[in-house]
Amino acid sequence: DKCLQNHYRRWTINDLIDACTDALAEYEGRSNPVSRRTFQNDLALMRS
């Protein structure tokens, strides 16, 4: 949501996945990258 509110940048799927990965690393100490399937599930949840 924060990324898509930033209209000064165009967001590809890889950009958004990287942003989610970085956020999880900061808040939870996780270094594992977010998968495309997880990202698509998140988008579906937001759209629903």
All heavy atoms as atom14 arrays in JSON, in Angstrom:
{
  "sequence": "DKCLQNHYRRWTINDLIDACTDALAEYEGRSNPVSRRTFQNDLALMRS",
  "atom14_mask": [
    [1, 1, 1, 1, 1, 1, 1, 1, 0, 0, 0, 0, 0, 0],
    [1, 1, 1, 1, 1, 1, 1, 1, 1, 0, 0, 0, 0, 0],
    [1, 1, 1, 1, 1, 1, 0, 0, 0, 0, 0, 0, 0, 0],
    [1, 1, 1, 1, 1, 1, 1, 1, 0, 0, 0, 0, 0, 0],
    [1, 1, 1, 1, 1, 1, 1, 1, 1, 0, 0, 0, 0, 0],
    [1, 1, 1, 1, 1, 1, 1, 1, 0, 0, 0, 0, 0, 0],
    [1, 1, 1, 1, 1, 1, 1, 1, 1, 1, 0, 0, 0, 0],
    [1, 1, 1, 1, 1, 1, 1, 1, 1, 1, 1, 1, 0, 0],
    [1, 1, 1, 1, 1, 1, 1, 1, 1, 1, 1, 0, 0, 0],
    [1, 1, 1, 1, 1, 1, 1, 1, 1, 1, 1, 0, 0, 0],
    [1, 1, 1, 1, 1, 1, 1, 1, 1, 1, 1, 1, 1, 1],
    [1, 1, 1, 1, 1, 1, 1, 0, 0, 0, 0, 0, 0, 0],
    [1, 1, 1, 1, 1, 1, 1, 1, 0, 0, 0, 0, 0, 0],
    [1, 1, 1, 1, 1, 1, 1, 1, 0, 0, 0, 0, 0, 0],
    [1, 1, 1, 1, 1, 1, 1, 1, 0, 0, 0, 0, 0, 0],
    [1, 1, 1, 1, 1, 1, 1, 1, 0, 0, 0, 0, 0, 0],
    [1, 1, 1, 1, 1, 1, 1, 1, 0, 0, 0, 0, 0, 0],
    [1, 1, 1, 1, 1, 1, 1, 1, 0, 0, 0, 0, 0, 0],
    [1, 1, 1, 1, 1, 0, 0, 0, 0, 0, 0, 0, 0, 0],
    [1, 1, 1, 1, 1, 1, 0, 0, 0, 0, 0, 0, 0, 0],
    [1, 1, 1, 1, 1, 1, 1, 0, 0, 0, 0, 0, 0, 0],
    [1, 1, 1, 1, 1, 1, 1, 1, 0, 0, 0, 0, 0, 0],
    [1, 1, 1, 1, 1, 0, 0, 0, 0, 0, 0, 0, 0, 0],
    [1, 1, 1, 1, 1, 1, 1, 1, 0, 0, 0, 0, 0, 0],
    [1, 1, 1, 1, 1, 0, 0, 0, 0, 0, 0, 0, 0, 0],
    [1, 1, 1, 1, 1, 1, 1, 1, 1, 0, 0, 0, 0, 0],
    [1, 1, 1, 1, 1, 1, 1, 1, 1, 1, 1, 1, 0, 0],
    [1, 1, 1, 1, 1, 1, 1, 1, 1, 0, 0, 0, 0, 0],
    [1, 1, 1, 1, 0, 0, 0, 0, 0, 0, 0, 0, 0, 0],
    [1, 1, 1, 1, 1, 1, 1, 1, 1, 1, 1, 0, 0, 0],
    [1, 1, 1, 1, 1, 1, 0, 0, 0, 0, 0, 0, 0, 0],
    [1, 1, 1, 1, 1, 1, 1, 1, 0, 0, 0, 0, 0, 0],
    [1, 1, 1, 1, 1, 1, 1, 0, 0, 0, 0, 0, 0, 0],
    [1, 1, 1, 1, 1, 1, 1, 0, 0, 0, 0, 0, 0, 0],
    [1, 1, 1, 1, 1, 1, 0, 0, 0, 0, 0, 0, 0, 0],
    [1, 1, 1, 1, 1, 1, 1, 1, 1, 1, 1, 0, 0, 0],
    [1, 1, 1, 1, 1, 1, 1, 1, 1, 1, 1, 0, 0, 0],
    [1, 1, 1, 1, 1, 1, 1, 0, 0, 0, 0, 0, 0, 0],
    [1, 1, 1, 1, 1, 1, 1, 1, 1, 1, 1, 0, 0, 0],
    [1, 1, 1, 1, 1, 1, 1, 1, 1, 0, 0, 0, 0, 0],
    [1, 1, 1, 1, 1, 1, 1, 1, 0, 0, 0, 0, 0, 0],
    [1, 1, 1, 1, 1, 1, 1, 1, 0, 0, 0, 0, 0, 0],
    [1, 1, 1, 1, 1, 1, 1, 1, 0, 0, 0, 0, 0, 0],
    [1, 1, 1, 1, 1, 0, 0, 0, 0, 0, 0, 0, 0, 0],
    [1, 1, 1, 1, 1, 1, 1, 1, 0, 0, 0, 0, 0, 0],
    [1, 1, 1, 1, 1, 1, 1, 1, 0, 0, 0, 0, 0, 0],
    [1, 1, 1, 1, 1, 1, 1, 1, 1, 1, 1, 0, 0, 0],
    [1, 1, 1, 1, 1, 1, 0, 0, 0, 0, 0, 0, 0, 0]
  ],
  "atom14_positions": [
    [[0.83, -1.21, 0.0], [0.0, 0.0, 0.0], [0.86, 1.26, 0.0], [0.6, 2.21, -0.75], [-0.92, -0.02, 1.22], [-1.8, 1.21, 1.29], [-2.62, 1.39, 0.38], [-1.66, 1.99, 2.26], [0.0, 0.0, 0.0], [0.0, 0.0, 0.0], [0.0, 0.0, 0.0], [0.0, 0.0, 0.0], [0.0, 0.0, 0.0], [0.0, 0.0, 0.0]],
    [[1.92, 1.28, 0.82], [2.8, 2.45, 0.87], [3.49, 2.67, -0.47], [3.66, 3.8, -0.93], [3.84, 2.27, 1.97], [3.27, 2.37, 3.38], [4.35, 2.15, 4.42], [3.77, 2.23, 5.83], [4.81, 1.96, 6.87], [0.0, 0.0, 0.0], [0.0, 0.0, 0.0], [0.0, 0.0, 0.0], [0.0, 0.0, 0.0], [0.0, 0.0, 0.0]],
    [[3.92, 1.57, -1.11], [4.58, 1.7, -2.4], [3.64, 2.28, -3.46], [4.0, 3.2, -4.21], [5.09, 0.33, -2.87], [6.47, -0.32, -1.91], [0.0, 0.0, 0.0], [0.0, 0.0, 0.0], [0.0, 0.0, 0.0], [0.0, 0.0, 0.0], [0.0, 0.0, 0.0], [0.0, 0.0, 0.0], [0.0, 0.0, 0.0], [0.0, 0.0, 0.0]],
    [[2.42, 1.76, -3.51], [1.48, 2.2, -4.54], [0.97, 3.61, -4.3], [0.44, 4.24, -5.22], [0.3, 1.21, -4.62], [0.67, -0.22, -5.03], [-0.58, -1.08, -5.2], [1.5, -0.24, -6.31], [0.0, 0.0, 0.0], [0.0, 0.0, 0.0], [0.0, 0.0, 0.0], [0.0, 0.0, 0.0], [0.0, 0.0, 0.0], [0.0, 0.0, 0.0]],
    [[1.13, 4.11, -3.08], [0.78, 5.51, -2.81], [1.87, 6.47, -3.29], [1.63, 7.67, -3.39], [0.57, 5.72, -1.3], [-0.71, 5.1, -0.77], [-0.84, 5.4, 0.71], [-1.08, 6.54, 1.12], [-0.67, 4.38, 1.54], [0.0, 0.0, 0.0], [0.0, 0.0, 0.0], [0.0, 0.0, 0.0], [0.0, 0.0, 0.0], [0.0, 0.0, 0.0]],
    [[3.06, 5.93, -3.55], [4.17, 6.75, -4.04], [4.05, 6.88, -5.56], [4.43, 5.99, -6.31], [5.5, 6.09, -3.66], [6.7, 6.9, -4.13], [6.56, 7.98, -4.72], [7.89, 6.38, -3.88], [0.0, 0.0, 0.0], [0.0, 0.0, 0.0], [0.0, 0.0, 0.0], [0.0, 0.0, 0.0], [0.0, 0.0, 0.0], [0.0, 0.0, 0.0]],
    [[3.51, 8.0, -6.01], [3.25, 8.19, -7.44], [4.47, 8.72, -8.2], [4.39, 8.94, -9.41], [2.08, 9.16, -7.62], [0.85, 8.77, -6.88], [0.21, 7.55, -7.08], [0.12, 9.41, -5.92], [-0.85, 7.47, -6.29], [-0.91, 8.58, -5.56], [0.0, 0.0, 0.0], [0.0, 0.0, 0.0], [0.0, 0.0, 0.0], [0.0, 0.0, 0.0]],
    [[5.58, 8.89, -7.49], [6.79, 9.38, -8.14], [7.66, 8.24, -8.66], [8.76, 8.47, -9.16], [7.59, 10.26, -7.17], [6.84, 11.49, -6.74], [6.18, 11.52, -5.52], [6.77, 12.61, -7.56], [5.48, 12.64, -5.11], [6.07, 13.74, -7.17], [5.41, 13.74, -5.94], [4.72, 14.86, -5.55], [0.0, 0.0, 0.0], [0.0, 0.0, 0.0]],
    [[7.15, 7.04, -8.51], [7.9, 5.88, -8.98], [6.94, 4.87, -9.59], [5.8, 4.74, -9.12], [8.68, 5.23, -7.83], [9.41, 3.97, -8.21], [10.26, 3.45, -7.08], [10.85, 2.17, -7.41], [11.66, 1.48, -6.63], [11.99, 1.97, -5.43], [12.16, 0.33, -7.0], [0.0, 0.0, 0.0], [0.0, 0.0, 0.0], [0.0, 0.0, 0.0]],
    [[7.4, 4.15, -10.6], [6.6, 3.1, -11.22], [7.07, 1.76, -10.66], [8.27, 1.47, -10.64], [6.71, 3.14, -12.74], [6.38, 4.5, -13.34], [6.28, 4.46, -14.84], [5.03, 3.86, -15.27], [4.7, 3.65, -16.56], [5.55, 4.0, -17.51], [3.54, 3.11, -16.88], [0.0, 0.0, 0.0], [0.0, 0.0, 0.0], [0.0, 0.0, 0.0]],
    [[6.11, 0.95, -10.23], [6.42, -0.26, -9.45], [6.19, -1.52, -10.28], [5.07, -1.81, -10.68], [5.56, -0.31, -8.2], [5.82, 0.83, -7.27], [5.17, 2.02, -7.23], [6.83, 0.88, -6.26], [5.71, 2.83, -6.26], [6.72, 2.15, -5.64], [7.8, -0.02, -5.81], [7.56, 2.56, -4.61], [8.62, 0.38, -4.77], [8.51, 1.64, -4.18]],
    [[7.27, -2.26, -10.52], [7.14, -3.57, -11.15], [6.91, -4.62, -10.06], [7.05, -4.34, -8.87], [8.41, -3.93, -11.93], [9.52, -4.09, -11.0], [8.76, -2.85, -12.94], [0.0, 0.0, 0.0], [0.0, 0.0, 0.0], [0.0, 0.0, 0.0], [0.0, 0.0, 0.0], [0.0, 0.0, 0.0], [0.0, 0.0, 0.0], [0.0, 0.0, 0.0]],
    [[6.59, -5.83, -10.49], [6.37, -6.9, -9.51], [7.63, -7.17, -8.71], [7.58, -7.4, -7.5], [5.86, -8.18, -10.2], [5.51, -9.24, -9.14], [6.88, -8.72, -11.2], [4.81, -10.45, -9.73], [0.0, 0.0, 0.0], [0.0, 0.0, 0.0], [0.0, 0.0, 0.0], [0.0, 0.0, 0.0], [0.0, 0.0, 0.0], [0.0, 0.0, 0.0]],
    [[8.79, -7.1, -9.37], [10.06, -7.33, -8.65], [10.34, -6.22, -7.65], [10.86, -6.48, -6.56], [11.21, -7.44, -9.65], [11.15, -8.73, -10.45], [10.61, -9.73, -9.99], [11.71, -8.71, -11.66], [0.0, 0.0, 0.0], [0.0, 0.0, 0.0], [0.0, 0.0, 0.0], [0.0, 0.0, 0.0], [0.0, 0.0, 0.0], [0.0, 0.0, 0.0]],
    [[9.98, -4.98, -8.01], [10.17, -3.86, -7.07], [9.34, -4.07, -5.81], [9.81, -3.86, -4.68], [9.77, -2.54, -7.73], [10.68, -2.14, -8.87], [11.86, -2.56, -8.84], [10.22, -1.44, -9.78], [0.0, 0.0, 0.0], [0.0, 0.0, 0.0], [0.0, 0.0, 0.0], [0.0, 0.0, 0.0], [0.0, 0.0, 0.0], [0.0, 0.0, 0.0]],
    [[8.1, -4.47, -5.99], [7.2, -4.65, -4.85], [7.62, -5.84, -4.0], [7.55, -5.79, -2.76], [5.76, -4.83, -5.34], [5.15, -3.59, -6.0], [3.82, -3.92, -6.66], [4.96, -2.47, -4.97], [0.0, 0.0, 0.0], [0.0, 0.0, 0.0], [0.0, 0.0, 0.0], [0.0, 0.0, 0.0], [0.0, 0.0, 0.0], [0.0, 0.0, 0.0]],
    [[8.05, -6.92, -4.65], [8.53, -8.09, -3.89], [9.76, -7.72, -3.07], [9.9, -8.11, -1.9], [8.81, -9.26, -4.85], [7.5, -9.83, -5.38], [9.64, -10.35, -4.15], [7.68, -10.92, -6.42], [0.0, 0.0, 0.0], [0.0, 0.0, 0.0], [0.0, 0.0, 0.0], [0.0, 0.0, 0.0], [0.0, 0.0, 0.0], [0.0, 0.0, 0.0]],
    [[10.68, -6.96, -3.68], [11.89, -6.53, -2.96], [11.51, -5.65, -1.76], [12.11, -5.78, -0.67], [12.83, -5.76, -3.89], [13.5, -6.66, -4.92], [13.48, -7.89, -4.71], [14.03, -6.13, -5.91], [0.0, 0.0, 0.0], [0.0, 0.0, 0.0], [0.0, 0.0, 0.0], [0.0, 0.0, 0.0], [0.0, 0.0, 0.0], [0.0, 0.0, 0.0]],
    [[10.55, -4.77, -1.93], [10.13, -3.89, -0.84], [9.52, -4.71, 0.31], [9.8, -4.44, 1.49], [9.11, -2.87, -1.35], [0.0, 0.0, 0.0], [0.0, 0.0, 0.0], [0.0, 0.0, 0.0], [0.0, 0.0, 0.0], [0.0, 0.0, 0.0], [0.0, 0.0, 0.0], [0.0, 0.0, 0.0], [0.0, 0.0, 0.0], [0.0, 0.0, 0.0]],
    [[8.73, -5.73, -0.02], [8.14, -6.59, 1.01], [9.22, -7.39, 1.73], [9.18, -7.56, 2.95], [7.12, -7.54, 0.39], [5.62, -6.72, -0.21], [0.0, 0.0, 0.0], [0.0, 0.0, 0.0], [0.0, 0.0, 0.0], [0.0, 0.0, 0.0], [0.0, 0.0, 0.0], [0.0, 0.0, 0.0], [0.0, 0.0, 0.0], [0.0, 0.0, 0.0]],
    [[10.19, -7.88, 0.98], [11.29, -8.64, 1.57], [12.08, -7.77, 2.54], [12.43, -8.2, 3.65], [12.22, -9.19, 0.47], [11.47, -10.05, -0.39], [13.38, -9.96, 1.07], [0.0, 0.0, 0.0], [0.0, 0.0, 0.0], [0.0, 0.0, 0.0], [0.0, 0.0, 0.0], [0.0, 0.0, 0.0], [0.0, 0.0, 0.0], [0.0, 0.0, 0.0]],
    [[12.37, -6.53, 2.12], [13.11, -5.61, 2.99], [12.32, -5.28, 4.26], [12.89, -5.17, 5.35], [13.43, -4.31, 2.23], [14.44, -4.52, 1.11], [15.14, -5.56, 1.13], [14.52, -3.66, 0.21], [0.0, 0.0, 0.0], [0.0, 0.0, 0.0], [0.0, 0.0, 0.0], [0.0, 0.0, 0.0], [0.0, 0.0, 0.0], [0.0, 0.0, 0.0]],
    [[11.0, -5.11, 4.12], [10.17, -4.78, 5.28], [10.16, -5.92, 6.29], [10.27, -5.7, 7.5], [8.75, -4.46, 4.83], [0.0, 0.0, 0.0], [0.0, 0.0, 0.0], [0.0, 0.0, 0.0], [0.0, 0.0, 0.0], [0.0, 0.0, 0.0], [0.0, 0.0, 0.0], [0.0, 0.0, 0.0], [0.0, 0.0, 0.0], [0.0, 0.0, 0.0]],
    [[10.05, -7.15, 5.8], [10.07, -8.3, 6.7], [11.42, -8.44, 7.38], [11.51, -8.81, 8.55], [9.73, -9.58, 5.93], [8.27, -9.74, 5.5], [8.11, -10.97, 4.61], [7.36, -9.86, 6.71], [0.0, 0.0, 0.0], [0.0, 0.0, 0.0], [0.0, 0.0, 0.0], [0.0, 0.0, 0.0], [0.0, 0.0, 0.0], [0.0, 0.0, 0.0]],
    [[12.49, -8.16, 6.63], [13.83, -8.24, 7.22], [14.0, -7.21, 8.34], [14.63, -7.48, 9.36], [14.89, -8.02, 6.14], [0.0, 0.0, 0.0], [0.0, 0.0, 0.0], [0.0, 0.0, 0.0], [0.0, 0.0, 0.0], [0.0, 0.0, 0.0], [0.0, 0.0, 0.0], [0.0, 0.0, 0.0], [0.0, 0.0, 0.0], [0.0, 0.0, 0.0]],
    [[13.39, -6.03, 8.16], [13.51, -4.97, 9.16], [12.68, -5.25, 10.4], [13.15, -5.09, 11.53], [13.08, -3.63, 8.56], [13.16, -2.47, 9.54], [12.74, -1.15, 8.92], [12.5, -1.13, 7.68], [12.66, -0.15, 9.64], [0.0, 0.0, 0.0], [0.0, 0.0, 0.0], [0.0, 0.0, 0.0], [0.0, 0.0, 0.0], [0.0, 0.0, 0.0]],
    [[11.44, -5.71, 10.2], [10.53, -5.86, 11.33], [10.61, -7.22, 12.0], [10.33, -7.34, 13.19], [9.09, -5.62, 10.89], [8.79, -4.18, 10.57], [8.69, -3.75, 9.25], [8.61, -3.25, 11.58], [8.43, -2.42, 8.95], [8.34, -1.92, 11.3], [8.25, -1.51, 9.97], [8.0, -0.2, 9.69], [0.0, 0.0, 0.0], [0.0, 0.0, 0.0]],
    [[10.99, -8.25, 11.26], [10.98, -9.6, 11.83], [12.35, -10.28, 11.78], [12.5, -11.38, 12.28], [9.97, -10.48, 11.09], [8.52, -10.05, 11.31], [7.54, -11.13, 10.91], [7.85, -11.89, 9.96], [6.48, -11.24, 11.54], [0.0, 0.0, 0.0], [0.0, 0.0, 0.0], [0.0, 0.0, 0.0], [0.0, 0.0, 0.0], [0.0, 0.0, 0.0]],
    [[13.33, -9.63, 11.18], [14.65, -10.24, 11.09], [14.72, -11.37, 10.09], [15.64, -12.19, 10.12], [0.0, 0.0, 0.0], [0.0, 0.0, 0.0], [0.0, 0.0, 0.0], [0.0, 0.0, 0.0], [0.0, 0.0, 0.0], [0.0, 0.0, 0.0], [0.0, 0.0, 0.0], [0.0, 0.0, 0.0], [0.0, 0.0, 0.0], [0.0, 0.0, 0.0]],
    [[13.75, -11.43, 9.18], [13.74, -12.49, 8.18], [14.52, -12.06, 6.95], [14.34, -10.96, 6.45], [12.31, -12.84, 7.77], [11.48, -13.45, 8.87], [10.05, -13.66, 8.43], [9.97, -14.31, 7.12], [8.82, -14.59, 6.54], [7.69, -14.27, 7.11], [8.81, -15.19, 5.35], [0.0, 0.0, 0.0], [0.0, 0.0, 0.0], [0.0, 0.0, 0.0]],
    [[15.36, -12.93, 6.43], [16.14, -12.6, 5.24], [15.68, -13.37, 4.02], [16.21, -13.2, 2.93], [17.63, -12.9, 5.5], [17.82, -14.26, 5.85], [0.0, 0.0, 0.0], [0.0, 0.0, 0.0], [0.0, 0.0, 0.0], [0.0, 0.0, 0.0], [0.0, 0.0, 0.0], [0.0, 0.0, 0.0], [0.0, 0.0, 0.0], [0.0, 0.0, 0.0]],
    [[14.67, -14.25, 4.16], [14.18, -15.03, 3.03], [13.34, -14.16, 2.1], [12.46, -13.44, 2.56], [13.34, -16.21, 3.52], [14.15, -17.2, 4.34], [15.34, -17.34, 4.12], [13.5, -17.86, 5.28], [0.0, 0.0, 0.0], [0.0, 0.0, 0.0], [0.0, 0.0, 0.0], [0.0, 0.0, 0.0], [0.0, 0.0, 0.0], [0.0, 0.0, 0.0]],
    [[13.58, -14.23, 0.79], [12.81, -13.4, -0.14], [11.36, -13.85, -0.22], [11.04, -15.02, -0.08], [13.54, -13.63, -1.49], [14.22, -14.95, -1.34], [14.61, -15.04, 0.1], [0.0, 0.0, 0.0], [0.0, 0.0, 0.0], [0.0, 0.0, 0.0], [0.0, 0.0, 0.0], [0.0, 0.0, 0.0], [0.0, 0.0, 0.0], [0.0, 0.0, 0.0]],
    [[10.48, -12.88, -0.44], [9.06, -13.18, -0.62], [8.87, -13.81, -1.99], [9.39, -13.31, -2.99], [8.23, -11.89, -0.49], [6.77, -12.15, -0.83], [8.37, -11.31, 0.91], [0.0, 0.0, 0.0], [0.0, 0.0, 0.0], [0.0, 0.0, 0.0], [0.0, 0.0, 0.0], [0.0, 0.0, 0.0], [0.0, 0.0, 0.0], [0.0, 0.0, 0.0]],
    [[8.12, -14.88, -2.07], [7.92, -15.57, -3.35], [6.85, -14.85, -4.18], [6.02, -14.09, -3.65], [7.48, -17.01, -3.11], [6.19, -17.06, -2.54], [0.0, 0.0, 0.0], [0.0, 0.0, 0.0], [0.0, 0.0, 0.0], [0.0, 0.0, 0.0], [0.0, 0.0, 0.0], [0.0, 0.0, 0.0], [0.0, 0.0, 0.0], [0.0, 0.0, 0.0]],
    [[6.86, -15.11, -5.48], [5.86, -14.51, -6.37], [4.46, -15.0, -6.0], [3.49, -14.24, -6.06], [6.16, -14.85, -7.83], [7.27, -13.99, -8.43], [7.43, -14.28, -9.91], [8.34, -13.3, -10.5], [8.02, -12.48, -11.49], [6.8, -12.49, -11.98], [8.9, -11.63, -11.98], [0.0, 0.0, 0.0], [0.0, 0.0, 0.0], [0.0, 0.0, 0.0]],
    [[4.36, -16.26, -5.62], [3.06, -16.81, -5.26], [2.5, -16.1, -4.03], [1.31, -15.76, -4.0], [3.19, -18.31, -5.0], [1.88, -18.98, -4.63], [2.06, -20.47, -4.48], [0.8, -21.12, -4.12], [0.67, -22.42, -3.92], [1.73, -23.22, -4.05], [-0.5, -22.93, -3.6], [0.0, 0.0, 0.0], [0.0, 0.0, 0.0], [0.0, 0.0, 0.0]],
    [[3.37, -15.88, -3.02], [2.92, -15.16, -1.82], [2.48, -13.75, -2.18], [1.45, -13.25, -1.69], [4.06, -15.11, -0.79], [4.38, -16.45, -0.38], [3.65, -14.3, 0.43], [0.0, 0.0, 0.0], [0.0, 0.0, 0.0], [0.0, 0.0, 0.0], [0.0, 0.0, 0.0], [0.0, 0.0, 0.0], [0.0, 0.0, 0.0], [0.0, 0.0, 0.0]],
    [[3.26, -13.09, -3.04], [2.91, -11.73, -3.46], [1.57, -11.69, -4.18], [0.73, -10.83, -3.92], [4.02, -11.17, -4.36], [3.69, -9.84, -4.96], [3.77, -8.67, -4.21], [3.28, -9.74, -6.28], [3.45, -7.45, -4.76], [2.96, -8.51, -6.84], [3.05, -7.37, -6.08], [0.0, 0.0, 0.0], [0.0, 0.0, 0.0], [0.0, 0.0, 0.0]],
    [[1.35, -12.65, -5.08], [0.08, -12.7, -5.82], [-1.09, -12.95, -4.87], [-2.17, -12.39, -5.05], [0.14, -13.79, -6.89], [1.15, -13.53, -8.0], [0.76, -12.38, -8.93], [-0.29, -11.76, -8.76], [1.61, -12.06, -9.9], [0.0, 0.0, 0.0], [0.0, 0.0, 0.0], [0.0, 0.0, 0.0], [0.0, 0.0, 0.0], [0.0, 0.0, 0.0]],
    [[-0.86, -13.78, -3.85], [-1.92, -14.02, -2.86], [-2.24, -12.74, -2.08], [-3.4, -12.47, -1.76], [-1.5, -15.12, -1.89], [-1.49, -16.49, -2.53], [-2.15, -16.71, -3.55], [-0.74, -17.42, -1.96], [0.0, 0.0, 0.0], [0.0, 0.0, 0.0], [0.0, 0.0, 0.0], [0.0, 0.0, 0.0], [0.0, 0.0, 0.0], [0.0, 0.0, 0.0]],
    [[-1.2, -11.96, -1.78], [-1.41, -10.69, -1.08], [-2.22, -9.72, -1.94], [-3.13, -9.04, -1.44], [-0.07, -10.05, -0.71], [0.69, -10.84, 0.35], [0.04, -11.6, 1.08], [1.91, -10.68, 0.44], [0.0, 0.0, 0.0], [0.0, 0.0, 0.0], [0.0, 0.0, 0.0], [0.0, 0.0, 0.0], [0.0, 0.0, 0.0], [0.0, 0.0, 0.0]],
    [[-1.9, -9.65, -3.23], [-2.65, -8.78, -4.13], [-4.12, -9.21, -4.2], [-5.03, -8.37, -4.18], [-2.05, -8.81, -5.54], [-0.76, -8.03, -5.8], [-0.44, -8.04, -7.29], [-0.86, -6.6, -5.3], [0.0, 0.0, 0.0], [0.0, 0.0, 0.0], [0.0, 0.0, 0.0], [0.0, 0.0, 0.0], [0.0, 0.0, 0.0], [0.0, 0.0, 0.0]],
    [[-4.34, -10.53, -4.31], [-5.72, -11.04, -4.36], [-6.48, -10.68, -3.09], [-7.67, -10.33, -3.14], [-5.7, -12.55, -4.59], [0.0, 0.0, 0.0], [0.0, 0.0, 0.0], [0.0, 0.0, 0.0], [0.0, 0.0, 0.0], [0.0, 0.0, 0.0], [0.0, 0.0, 0.0], [0.0, 0.0, 0.0], [0.0, 0.0, 0.0], [0.0, 0.0, 0.0]],
    [[-5.78, -10.76, -1.94], [-6.42, -10.42, -0.66], [-6.78, -8.95, -0.61], [-7.87, -8.57, -0.15], [-5.47, -10.77, 0.49], [-5.96, -10.5, 1.9], [-7.21, -11.31, 2.2], [-4.87, -10.82, 2.92], [0.0, 0.0, 0.0], [0.0, 0.0, 0.0], [0.0, 0.0, 0.0], [0.0, 0.0, 0.0], [0.0, 0.0, 0.0], [0.0, 0.0, 0.0]],
    [[-5.89, -8.1, -1.11], [-6.16, -6.66, -1.12], [-7.29, -6.31, -2.08], [-8.11, -5.42, -1.8], [-4.9, -5.88, -1.49], [-3.75, -5.99, -0.49], [-2.24, -5.15, -1.03], [-2.74, -3.42, -0.91], [0.0, 0.0, 0.0], [0.0, 0.0, 0.0], [0.0, 0.0, 0.0], [0.0, 0.0, 0.0], [0.0, 0.0, 0.0], [0.0, 0.0, 0.0]],
    [[-7.37, -7.01, -3.2], [-8.41, -6.73, -4.19], [-9.78, -7.25, -3.75], [-10.81, -6.77, -4.23], [-8.03, -7.36, -5.52], [-6.94, -6.59, -6.29], [-6.41, -7.42, -7.42], [-5.58, -6.64, -8.34], [-4.68, -7.17, -9.15], [-4.47, -8.48, -9.15], [-3.99, -6.4, -9.96], [0.0, 0.0, 0.0], [0.0, 0.0, 0.0], [0.0, 0.0, 0.0]],
    [[-9.79, -8.21, -2.85], [-11.05, -8.82, -2.42], [-11.7, -7.98, -1.32], [-11.15, -6.99, -0.85], [-10.78, -10.24, -1.9], [-10.16, -10.18, -0.62], [0.0, 0.0, 0.0], [0.0, 0.0, 0.0], [0.0, 0.0, 0.0], [0.0, 0.0, 0.0], [0.0, 0.0, 0.0], [0.0, 0.0, 0.0], [0.0, 0.0, 0.0], [0.0, 0.0, 0.0]]
  ]
}
